[in-house]
Amino acid sequence: IIILTEKMIKPANHKFFSEIKSNNLLGKIKLFCVSAEMKSKYSFHFALADKKHFRLEESREKPEAIVQFACEDAGKSLHGMFETIKAGATPIPLF
């Protein structure tokens, strides 16, 4: 699981990461912080399951999302964007 966060967090102070650690799953998680410069280049949030299945919030300001299954074109596009964002992100040590 790869997580890109838009603000620096301390995993030791976060319940999610504490649970991951207590269940010996840290090796399955990679955490990165997106730069402010990169964040300014997109205005939405998204989660990817793979290159065809995703959840997209078209605006950071609205709690509305689109969930799509088996949508290869948009999924590939979002996957490419995810990889671009990740390439410029800073790794955050988990513990």
PDB file of N, CA and C in Angstrom:
ATOM      1  N   ILE A   1       0.855  -1.162   0.000  1.00  0.00           N
ATOM      2  CA  ILE A   1       0.000   0.000   0.000  1.00  0.00           C
ATOM      3  C   ILE A   1       0.901   1.225   0.000  1.00  0.00           C
ATOM      4  N   ILE A   2       0.655   2.129  -0.917  1.00  0.00           N
ATOM      5  CA  ILE A   2       1.409   3.377  -0.998  1.00  0.00           C
ATOM      6  C   ILE A   2       0.456   4.518  -0.681  1.00  0.00           C
ATOM      7  N   ILE A   3       0.841   5.345   0.282  1.00  0.00           N
ATOM      8  CA  ILE A   3       0.011   6.469   0.704  1.00  0.00           C
ATOM      9  C   ILE A   3       0.760   7.757   0.417  1.00  0.00           C
ATOM     10  N   LEU A   4       0.101   8.677  -0.285  1.00  0.00           N
ATOM     11  CA  LEU A   4       0.638  10.010  -0.513  1.00  0.00           C
ATOM     12  C   LEU A   4      -0.193  10.973   0.319  1.00  0.00           C
ATOM     13  N   THR A   5       0.444  11.662   1.251  1.00  0.00           N
ATOM     14  CA  THR A   5      -0.255  12.630   2.083  1.00  0.00           C
ATOM     15  C   THR A   5       0.134  14.041   1.646  1.00  0.00           C
ATOM     16  N   GLU A   6      -0.791  14.972   1.801  1.00  0.00           N
ATOM     17  CA  GLU A   6      -0.520  16.340   1.378  1.00  0.00           C
ATOM     18  C   GLU A   6       0.012  17.209   2.517  1.00  0.00           C
ATOM     19  N   LYS A   7       0.200  16.624   3.681  1.00  0.00           N
ATOM     20  CA  LYS A   7       0.840  17.346   4.782  1.00  0.00           C
ATOM     21  C   LYS A   7       1.695  16.354   5.553  1.00  0.00           C
ATOM     22  N   MET A   8       2.752  16.858   6.139  1.00  0.00           N
ATOM     23  CA  MET A   8       3.659  15.999   6.891  1.00  0.00           C
ATOM     24  C   MET A   8       2.943  15.465   8.132  1.00  0.00           C
ATOM     25  N   ILE A   9       3.050  14.188   8.352  1.00  0.00           N
ATOM     26  CA  ILE A   9       2.444  13.574   9.531  1.00  0.00           C
ATOM     27  C   ILE A   9       3.506  12.779  10.278  1.00  0.00           C
ATOM     28  N   LYS A  10       3.226  12.510  11.533  1.00  0.00           N
ATOM     29  CA  LYS A  10       4.101  11.678  12.354  1.00  0.00           C
ATOM     30  C   LYS A  10       3.391  10.353  12.586  1.00  0.00           C
ATOM     31  N   PRO A  11       3.813   9.308  11.896  1.00  0.00           N
ATOM     32  CA  PRO A  11       3.140   8.012  12.033  1.00  0.00           C
ATOM     33  C   PRO A  11       3.022   7.532  13.481  1.00  0.00           C
ATOM     34  N   ALA A  12       4.005   7.827  14.316  1.00  0.00           N
ATOM     35  CA  ALA A  12       3.962   7.368  15.705  1.00  0.00           C
ATOM     36  C   ALA A  12       2.791   7.983  16.472  1.00  0.00           C
ATOM     37  N   ASN A  13       2.281   9.121  15.993  1.00  0.00           N
ATOM     38  CA  ASN A  13       1.158   9.796  16.653  1.00  0.00           C
ATOM     39  C   ASN A  13      -0.179   9.540  15.952  1.00  0.00           C
ATOM     40  N   HIS A  14      -0.203   8.620  15.015  1.00  0.00           N
ATOM     41  CA  HIS A  14      -1.396   8.389  14.200  1.00  0.00           C
ATOM     42  C   HIS A  14      -1.945   6.986  14.450  1.00  0.00           C
ATOM     43  N   LYS A  15      -3.200   6.897  14.797  1.00  0.00           N
ATOM     44  CA  LYS A  15      -3.835   5.610  15.148  1.00  0.00           C
ATOM     45  C   LYS A  15      -3.693   4.570  14.032  1.00  0.00           C
ATOM     46  N   PHE A  16      -3.905   4.973  12.782  1.00  0.00           N
ATOM     47  CA  PHE A  16      -3.812   4.034  11.666  1.00  0.00           C
ATOM     48  C   PHE A  16      -2.457   3.339  11.649  1.00  0.00           C
ATOM     49  N   PHE A  17      -1.393   4.119  11.746  1.00  0.00           N
ATOM     50  CA  PHE A  17      -0.050   3.542  11.670  1.00  0.00           C
ATOM     51  C   PHE A  17       0.299   2.754  12.922  1.00  0.00           C
ATOM     52  N   SER A  18      -0.225   3.160  14.056  1.00  0.00           N
ATOM     53  CA  SER A  18      -0.024   2.376  15.286  1.00  0.00           C
ATOM     54  C   SER A  18      -0.649   0.990  15.141  1.00  0.00           C
ATOM     55  N   GLU A  19      -1.831   0.937  14.550  1.00  0.00           N
ATOM     56  CA  GLU A  19      -2.494  -0.364  14.315  1.00  0.00           C
ATOM     57  C   GLU A  19      -1.717  -1.212  13.322  1.00  0.00           C
ATOM     58  N   ILE A  20      -1.234  -0.577  12.261  1.00  0.00           N
ATOM     59  CA  ILE A  20      -0.425  -1.292  11.268  1.00  0.00           C
ATOM     60  C   ILE A  20       0.805  -1.892  11.941  1.00  0.00           C
ATOM     61  N   LYS A  21       1.446  -1.095  12.792  1.00  0.00           N
ATOM     62  CA  LYS A  21       2.646  -1.574  13.494  1.00  0.00           C
ATOM     63  C   LYS A  21       2.303  -2.727  14.435  1.00  0.00           C
ATOM     64  N   SER A  22       1.234  -2.589  15.202  1.00  0.00           N
ATOM     65  CA  SER A  22       0.881  -3.628  16.173  1.00  0.00           C
ATOM     66  C   SER A  22       0.473  -4.936  15.502  1.00  0.00           C
ATOM     67  N   ASN A  23       0.112  -4.874  14.231  1.00  0.00           N
ATOM     68  CA  ASN A  23      -0.244  -6.084  13.483  1.00  0.00           C
ATOM     69  C   ASN A  23       0.882  -6.544  12.556  1.00  0.00           C
ATOM     70  N   ASN A  24       2.086  -6.025  12.796  1.00  0.00           N
ATOM     71  CA  ASN A  24       3.275  -6.423  12.034  1.00  0.00           C
ATOM     72  C   ASN A  24       3.110  -6.269  10.524  1.00  0.00           C
ATOM     73  N   LEU A  25       2.505  -5.139  10.106  1.00  0.00           N
ATOM     74  CA  LEU A  25       2.266  -4.913   8.686  1.00  0.00           C
ATOM     75  C   LEU A  25       3.048  -3.722   8.128  1.00  0.00           C
ATOM     76  N   LEU A  26       3.988  -3.198   8.877  1.00  0.00           N
ATOM     77  CA  LEU A  26       4.738  -2.028   8.413  1.00  0.00           C
ATOM     78  C   LEU A  26       5.438  -2.254   7.076  1.00  0.00           C
ATOM     79  N   GLY A  27       5.871  -3.465   6.822  1.00  0.00           N
ATOM     80  CA  GLY A  27       6.563  -3.773   5.570  1.00  0.00           C
ATOM     81  C   GLY A  27       5.667  -3.680   4.345  1.00  0.00           C
ATOM     82  N   LYS A  28       4.374  -3.578   4.546  1.00  0.00           N
ATOM     83  CA  LYS A  28       3.434  -3.508   3.428  1.00  0.00           C
ATOM     84  C   LYS A  28       2.998  -2.072   3.121  1.00  0.00           C
ATOM     85  N   ILE A  29       3.507  -1.097   3.896  1.00  0.00           N
ATOM     86  CA  ILE A  29       3.091   0.296   3.753  1.00  0.00           C
ATOM     87  C   ILE A  29       4.283   1.168   3.388  1.00  0.00           C
ATOM     88  N   LYS A  30       4.074   2.090   2.440  1.00  0.00           N
ATOM     89  CA  LYS A  30       5.055   3.124   2.118  1.00  0.00           C
ATOM     90  C   LYS A  30       4.309   4.449   2.181  1.00  0.00           C
ATOM     91  N   LEU A  31       4.917   5.427   2.850  1.00  0.00           N
ATOM     92  CA  LEU A  31       4.284   6.716   3.085  1.00  0.00           C
ATOM     93  C   LEU A  31       5.147   7.831   2.507  1.00  0.00           C
ATOM     94  N   PHE A  32       4.514   8.761   1.790  1.00  0.00           N
ATOM     95  CA  PHE A  32       5.209   9.881   1.174  1.00  0.00           C
ATOM     96  C   PHE A  32       4.436  11.164   1.418  1.00  0.00           C
ATOM     97  N   CYS A  33       5.152  12.287   1.474  1.00  0.00           N
ATOM     98  CA  CYS A  33       4.521  13.601   1.596  1.00  0.00           C
ATOM     99  C   CYS A  33       4.705  14.350   0.274  1.00  0.00           C
ATOM    100  N   VAL A  34       3.597  14.815  -0.283  1.00  0.00           N
ATOM    101  CA  VAL A  34       3.596  15.549  -1.545  1.00  0.00           C
ATOM    102  C   VAL A  34       4.070  16.985  -1.281  1.00  0.00           C
ATOM    103  N   SER A  35       4.887  17.512  -2.168  1.00  0.00           N
ATOM    104  CA  SER A  35       5.364  18.886  -2.013  1.00  0.00           C
ATOM    105  C   SER A  35       4.234  19.882  -2.278  1.00  0.00           C
ATOM    106  N   ALA A  36       4.357  21.060  -1.698  1.00  0.00           N
ATOM    107  CA  ALA A  36       3.356  22.122  -1.922  1.00  0.00           C
ATOM    108  C   ALA A  36       3.301  22.491  -3.401  1.00  0.00           C
ATOM    109  N   GLU A  37       4.452  22.489  -4.047  1.00  0.00           N
ATOM    110  CA  GLU A  37       4.483  22.801  -5.484  1.00  0.00           C
ATOM    111  C   GLU A  37       3.670  21.789  -6.283  1.00  0.00           C
ATOM    112  N   MET A  38       3.868  20.515  -6.008  1.00  0.00           N
ATOM    113  CA  MET A  38       3.119  19.486  -6.725  1.00  0.00           C
ATOM    114  C   MET A  38       1.626  19.568  -6.385  1.00  0.00           C
ATOM    115  N   LYS A  39       1.315  19.779  -5.122  1.00  0.00           N
ATOM    116  CA  LYS A  39      -0.087  19.868  -4.696  1.00  0.00           C
ATOM    117  C   LYS A  39      -0.821  20.969  -5.455  1.00  0.00           C
ATOM    118  N   SER A  40      -0.128  22.042  -5.775  1.00  0.00           N
ATOM    119  CA  SER A  40      -0.757  23.158  -6.489  1.00  0.00           C
ATOM    120  C   SER A  40      -1.108  22.805  -7.934  1.00  0.00           C
ATOM    121  N   LYS A  41      -0.611  21.680  -8.424  1.00  0.00           N
ATOM    122  CA  LYS A  41      -0.841  21.289  -9.817  1.00  0.00           C
ATOM    123  C   LYS A  41      -2.095  20.437 -10.021  1.00  0.00           C
ATOM    124  N   TYR A  42      -2.758  20.044  -8.933  1.00  0.00           N
ATOM    125  CA  TYR A  42      -4.000  19.286  -9.057  1.00  0.00           C
ATOM    126  C   TYR A  42      -4.949  19.728  -7.944  1.00  0.00           C
ATOM    127  N   SER A  43      -6.256  19.596  -8.194  1.00  0.00           N
ATOM    128  CA  SER A  43      -7.241  20.128  -7.243  1.00  0.00           C
ATOM    129  C   SER A  43      -8.173  19.055  -6.682  1.00  0.00           C
ATOM    130  N   PHE A  44      -7.773  17.815  -6.775  1.00  0.00           N
ATOM    131  CA  PHE A  44      -8.651  16.718  -6.375  1.00  0.00           C
ATOM    132  C   PHE A  44      -7.912  15.711  -5.510  1.00  0.00           C
ATOM    133  N   HIS A  45      -8.660  14.781  -4.938  1.00  0.00           N
ATOM    134  CA  HIS A  45      -8.106  13.641  -4.199  1.00  0.00           C
ATOM    135  C   HIS A  45      -8.551  12.369  -4.892  1.00  0.00           C
ATOM    136  N   PHE A  46      -7.751  11.329  -4.768  1.00  0.00           N
ATOM    137  CA  PHE A  46      -8.164  10.054  -5.354  1.00  0.00           C
ATOM    138  C   PHE A  46      -7.501   8.888  -4.652  1.00  0.00           C
ATOM    139  N   ALA A  47      -8.125   7.743  -4.797  1.00  0.00           N
ATOM    140  CA  ALA A  47      -7.588   6.480  -4.291  1.00  0.00           C
ATOM    141  C   ALA A  47      -7.655   5.474  -5.421  1.00  0.00           C
ATOM    142  N   LEU A  48      -6.590   4.719  -5.597  1.00  0.00           N
ATOM    143  CA  LEU A  48      -6.525   3.718  -6.666  1.00  0.00           C
ATOM    144  C   LEU A  48      -6.472   2.320  -6.089  1.00  0.00           C
ATOM    145  N   ALA A  49      -7.217   1.421  -6.703  1.00  0.00           N
ATOM    146  CA  ALA A  49      -7.091   0.013  -6.365  1.00  0.00           C
ATOM    147  C   ALA A  49      -6.117  -0.637  -7.359  1.00  0.00           C
ATOM    148  N   ASP A  50      -6.219  -0.221  -8.597  1.00  0.00           N
ATOM    149  CA  ASP A  50      -5.344  -0.676  -9.669  1.00  0.00           C
ATOM    150  C   ASP A  50      -5.542   0.282 -10.842  1.00  0.00           C
ATOM    151  N   LYS A  51      -5.207  -0.134 -12.046  1.00  0.00           N
ATOM    152  CA  LYS A  51      -5.315   0.763 -13.202  1.00  0.00           C
ATOM    153  C   LYS A  51      -6.728   0.836 -13.778  1.00  0.00           C
ATOM    154  N   LYS A  52      -7.718   0.201 -13.137  1.00  0.00           N
ATOM    155  CA  LYS A  52      -9.096   0.245 -13.633  1.00  0.00           C
ATOM    156  C   LYS A  52     -10.115   0.623 -12.572  1.00  0.00           C
ATOM    157  N   HIS A  53      -9.762   0.579 -11.317  1.00  0.00           N
ATOM    158  CA  HIS A  53     -10.716   0.794 -10.226  1.00  0.00           C
ATOM    159  C   HIS A  53     -10.219   1.916  -9.327  1.00  0.00           C
ATOM    160  N   PHE A  54     -11.080   2.916  -9.093  1.00  0.00           N
ATOM    161  CA  PHE A  54     -10.637   4.075  -8.332  1.00  0.00           C
ATOM    162  C   PHE A  54     -11.806   4.811  -7.691  1.00  0.00           C
ATOM    163  N   ARG A  55     -11.437   5.722  -6.792  1.00  0.00           N
ATOM    164  CA  ARG A  55     -12.372   6.641  -6.151  1.00  0.00           C
ATOM    165  C   ARG A  55     -11.793   8.026  -6.364  1.00  0.00           C
ATOM    166  N   LEU A  56     -12.610   8.950  -6.878  1.00  0.00           N
ATOM    167  CA  LEU A  56     -12.140  10.284  -7.218  1.00  0.00           C
ATOM    168  C   LEU A  56     -13.018  11.345  -6.569  1.00  0.00           C
ATOM    169  N   GLU A  57     -12.393  12.227  -5.800  1.00  0.00           N
ATOM    170  CA  GLU A  57     -13.049  13.421  -5.272  1.00  0.00           C
ATOM    171  C   GLU A  57     -12.602  14.551  -6.181  1.00  0.00           C
ATOM    172  N   GLU A  58     -13.505  15.063  -6.988  1.00  0.00           N
ATOM    173  CA  GLU A  58     -13.126  16.061  -7.985  1.00  0.00           C
ATOM    174  C   GLU A  58     -12.684  17.396  -7.380  1.00  0.00           C
ATOM    175  N   SER A  59     -13.028  17.635  -6.130  1.00  0.00           N
ATOM    176  CA  SER A  59     -12.641  18.868  -5.452  1.00  0.00           C
ATOM    177  C   SER A  59     -12.177  18.552  -4.037  1.00  0.00           C
ATOM    178  N   ARG A  60     -11.124  19.207  -3.608  1.00  0.00           N
ATOM    179  CA  ARG A  60     -10.671  19.050  -2.219  1.00  0.00           C
ATOM    180  C   ARG A  60     -11.687  19.651  -1.249  1.00  0.00           C
ATOM    181  N   GLU A  61     -12.507  20.560  -1.752  1.00  0.00           N
ATOM    182  CA  GLU A  61     -13.425  21.324  -0.909  1.00  0.00           C
ATOM    183  C   GLU A  61     -14.772  20.646  -0.678  1.00  0.00           C
ATOM    184  N   LYS A  62     -15.135  19.685  -1.502  1.00  0.00           N
ATOM    185  CA  LYS A  62     -16.452  19.055  -1.392  1.00  0.00           C
ATOM    186  C   LYS A  62     -16.329  17.580  -1.000  1.00  0.00           C
ATOM    187  N   PRO A  63     -17.187  17.124  -0.088  1.00  0.00           N
ATOM    188  CA  PRO A  63     -17.156  15.704   0.313  1.00  0.00           C
ATOM    189  C   PRO A  63     -17.960  14.822  -0.639  1.00  0.00           C
ATOM    190  N   GLU A  64     -17.668  14.908  -1.927  1.00  0.00           N
ATOM    191  CA  GLU A  64     -18.365  14.126  -2.946  1.00  0.00           C
ATOM    192  C   GLU A  64     -17.337  13.315  -3.725  1.00  0.00           C
ATOM    193  N   ALA A  65     -17.706  12.087  -4.053  1.00  0.00           N
ATOM    194  CA  ALA A  65     -16.758  11.238  -4.774  1.00  0.00           C
ATOM    195  C   ALA A  65     -17.453  10.427  -5.857  1.00  0.00           C
ATOM    196  N   ILE A  66     -16.664  10.060  -6.841  1.00  0.00           N
ATOM    197  CA  ILE A  66     -17.072   9.155  -7.911  1.00  0.00           C
ATOM    198  C   ILE A  66     -16.300   7.864  -7.683  1.00  0.00           C
ATOM    199  N   VAL A  67     -16.994   6.759  -7.700  1.00  0.00           N
ATOM    200  CA  VAL A  67     -16.336   5.456  -7.609  1.00  0.00           C
ATOM    201  C   VAL A  67     -16.532   4.781  -8.959  1.00  0.00           C
ATOM    202  N   GLN A  68     -15.470   4.262  -9.498  1.00  0.00           N
ATOM    203  CA  GLN A  68     -15.539   3.664 -10.825  1.00  0.00           C
ATOM    204  C   GLN A  68     -14.866   2.297 -10.833  1.00  0.00           C
ATOM    205  N   PHE A  69     -15.542   1.345 -11.419  1.00  0.00           N
ATOM    206  CA  PHE A  69     -14.997   0.001 -11.584  1.00  0.00           C
ATOM    207  C   PHE A  69     -14.831  -0.285 -13.069  1.00  0.00           C
ATOM    208  N   ALA A  70     -13.761  -0.930 -13.423  1.00  0.00           N
ATOM    209  CA  ALA A  70     -13.491  -1.365 -14.796  1.00  0.00           C
ATOM    210  C   ALA A  70     -13.492  -0.203 -15.788  1.00  0.00           C
ATOM    211  N   CYS A  71     -12.906   0.893 -15.420  1.00  0.00           N
ATOM    212  CA  CYS A  71     -12.785   2.060 -16.298  1.00  0.00           C
ATOM    213  C   CYS A  71     -11.301   2.237 -16.616  1.00  0.00           C
ATOM    214  N   GLU A  72     -10.878   1.554 -17.643  1.00  0.00           N
ATOM    215  CA  GLU A  72      -9.459   1.466 -17.928  1.00  0.00           C
ATOM    216  C   GLU A  72      -8.818   2.788 -18.329  1.00  0.00           C
ATOM    217  N   ASP A  73      -9.478   3.592 -19.174  1.00  0.00           N
ATOM    218  CA  ASP A  73      -8.871   4.841 -19.645  1.00  0.00           C
ATOM    219  C   ASP A  73      -8.612   5.820 -18.497  1.00  0.00           C
ATOM    220  N   ALA A  74      -9.641   6.106 -17.711  1.00  0.00           N
ATOM    221  CA  ALA A  74      -9.481   7.042 -16.588  1.00  0.00           C
ATOM    222  C   ALA A  74      -8.555   6.442 -15.528  1.00  0.00           C
ATOM    223  N   GLY A  75      -8.667   5.151 -15.289  1.00  0.00           N
ATOM    224  CA  GLY A  75      -7.814   4.493 -14.305  1.00  0.00           C
ATOM    225  C   GLY A  75      -6.347   4.593 -14.660  1.00  0.00           C
ATOM    226  N   LYS A  76      -6.016   4.365 -15.917  1.00  0.00           N
ATOM    227  CA  LYS A  76      -4.623   4.477 -16.366  1.00  0.00           C
ATOM    228  C   LYS A  76      -4.118   5.912 -16.224  1.00  0.00           C
ATOM    229  N   SER A  77      -4.983   6.870 -16.536  1.00  0.00           N
ATOM    230  CA  SER A  77      -4.614   8.275 -16.414  1.00  0.00           C
ATOM    231  C   SER A  77      -4.319   8.641 -14.956  1.00  0.00           C
ATOM    232  N   LEU A  78      -5.197   8.233 -14.051  1.00  0.00           N
ATOM    233  CA  LEU A  78      -4.975   8.498 -12.628  1.00  0.00           C
ATOM    234  C   LEU A  78      -3.742   7.770 -12.110  1.00  0.00           C
ATOM    235  N   HIS A  79      -3.521   6.559 -12.577  1.00  0.00           N
ATOM    236  CA  HIS A  79      -2.334   5.806 -12.163  1.00  0.00           C
ATOM    237  C   HIS A  79      -1.066   6.549 -12.590  1.00  0.00           C
ATOM    238  N   GLY A  80      -1.060   7.069 -13.812  1.00  0.00           N
ATOM    239  CA  GLY A  80       0.084   7.837 -14.286  1.00  0.00           C
ATOM    240  C   GLY A  80       0.303   9.085 -13.436  1.00  0.00           C
ATOM    241  N   MET A  81      -0.791   9.762 -13.078  1.00  0.00           N
ATOM    242  CA  MET A  81      -0.681  10.942 -12.234  1.00  0.00           C
ATOM    243  C   MET A  81      -0.147  10.568 -10.858  1.00  0.00           C
ATOM    244  N   PHE A  82      -0.629   9.466 -10.305  1.00  0.00           N
ATOM    245  CA  PHE A  82      -0.163   8.995  -9.001  1.00  0.00           C
ATOM    246  C   PHE A  82       1.347   8.771  -9.033  1.00  0.00           C
ATOM    247  N   GLU A  83       1.826   8.114 -10.061  1.00  0.00           N
ATOM    248  CA  GLU A  83       3.261   7.839 -10.175  1.00  0.00           C
ATOM    249  C   GLU A  83       4.062   9.126 -10.319  1.00  0.00           C
ATOM    250  N   THR A  84       3.538  10.104 -11.045  1.00  0.00           N
ATOM    251  CA  THR A  84       4.205  11.393 -11.191  1.00  0.00           C
ATOM    252  C   THR A  84       4.281  12.119  -9.853  1.00  0.00           C
ATOM    253  N   ILE A  85       3.178  12.135  -9.129  1.00  0.00           N
ATOM    254  CA  ILE A  85       3.150  12.785  -7.819  1.00  0.00           C
ATOM    255  C   ILE A  85       4.118  12.089  -6.864  1.00  0.00           C
ATOM    256  N   LYS A  86       4.084  10.770  -6.858  1.00  0.00           N
ATOM    257  CA  LYS A  86       4.959   9.993  -5.964  1.00  0.00           C
ATOM    258  C   LYS A  86       6.433  10.231  -6.269  1.00  0.00           C
ATOM    259  N   ALA A  87       6.772  10.375  -7.541  1.00  0.00           N
ATOM    260  CA  ALA A  87       8.177  10.559  -7.931  1.00  0.00           C
ATOM    261  C   ALA A  87       8.789  11.810  -7.313  1.00  0.00           C
ATOM    262  N   GLY A  88       7.974  12.839  -7.089  1.00  0.00           N
ATOM    263  CA  GLY A  88       8.493  14.067  -6.502  1.00  0.00           C
ATOM    264  C   GLY A  88       8.219  14.201  -5.013  1.00  0.00           C
ATOM    265  N   ALA A  89       7.637  13.167  -4.406  1.00  0.00           N
ATOM    266  CA  ALA A  89       7.266  13.225  -2.989  1.00  0.00           C
ATOM    267  C   ALA A  89       8.417  12.785  -2.097  1.00  0.00           C
ATOM    268  N   THR A  90       8.341  13.211  -0.841  1.00  0.00           N
ATOM    269  CA  THR A  90       9.363  12.883   0.146  1.00  0.00           C
ATOM    270  C   THR A  90       8.945  11.676   0.972  1.00  0.00           C
ATOM    271  N   PRO A  91       9.757  10.630   1.031  1.00  0.00           N
ATOM    272  CA  PRO A  91       9.402   9.479   1.888  1.00  0.00           C
ATOM    273  C   PRO A  91       9.325   9.887   3.350  1.00  0.00           C
ATOM    274  N   ILE A  92       8.363   9.342   4.060  1.00  0.00           N
ATOM    275  CA  ILE A  92       8.225   9.564   5.494  1.00  0.00           C
ATOM    276  C   ILE A  92       8.519   8.247   6.196  1.00  0.00           C
ATOM    277  N   PRO A  93       9.512   8.222   7.077  1.00  0.00           N
ATOM    278  CA  PRO A  93       9.788   6.997   7.827  1.00  0.00           C
ATOM    279  C   PRO A  93       8.586   6.642   8.692  1.00  0.00           C
ATOM    280  N   LEU A  94       8.232   5.365   8.733  1.00  0.00           N
ATOM    281  CA  LEU A  94       7.068   4.964   9.505  1.00  0.00           C
ATOM    282  C   LEU A  94       7.338   4.943  11.009  1.00  0.00           C
ATOM    283  N   PHE A  95       8.471   4.423  11.427  1.00  0.00           N
ATOM    284  CA  PHE A  95       8.821   4.416  12.859  1.00  0.00           C
ATOM    285  C   PHE A  95      10.322   4.397  12.996  1.00  0.00           C
TER     286      PHE A  95
END
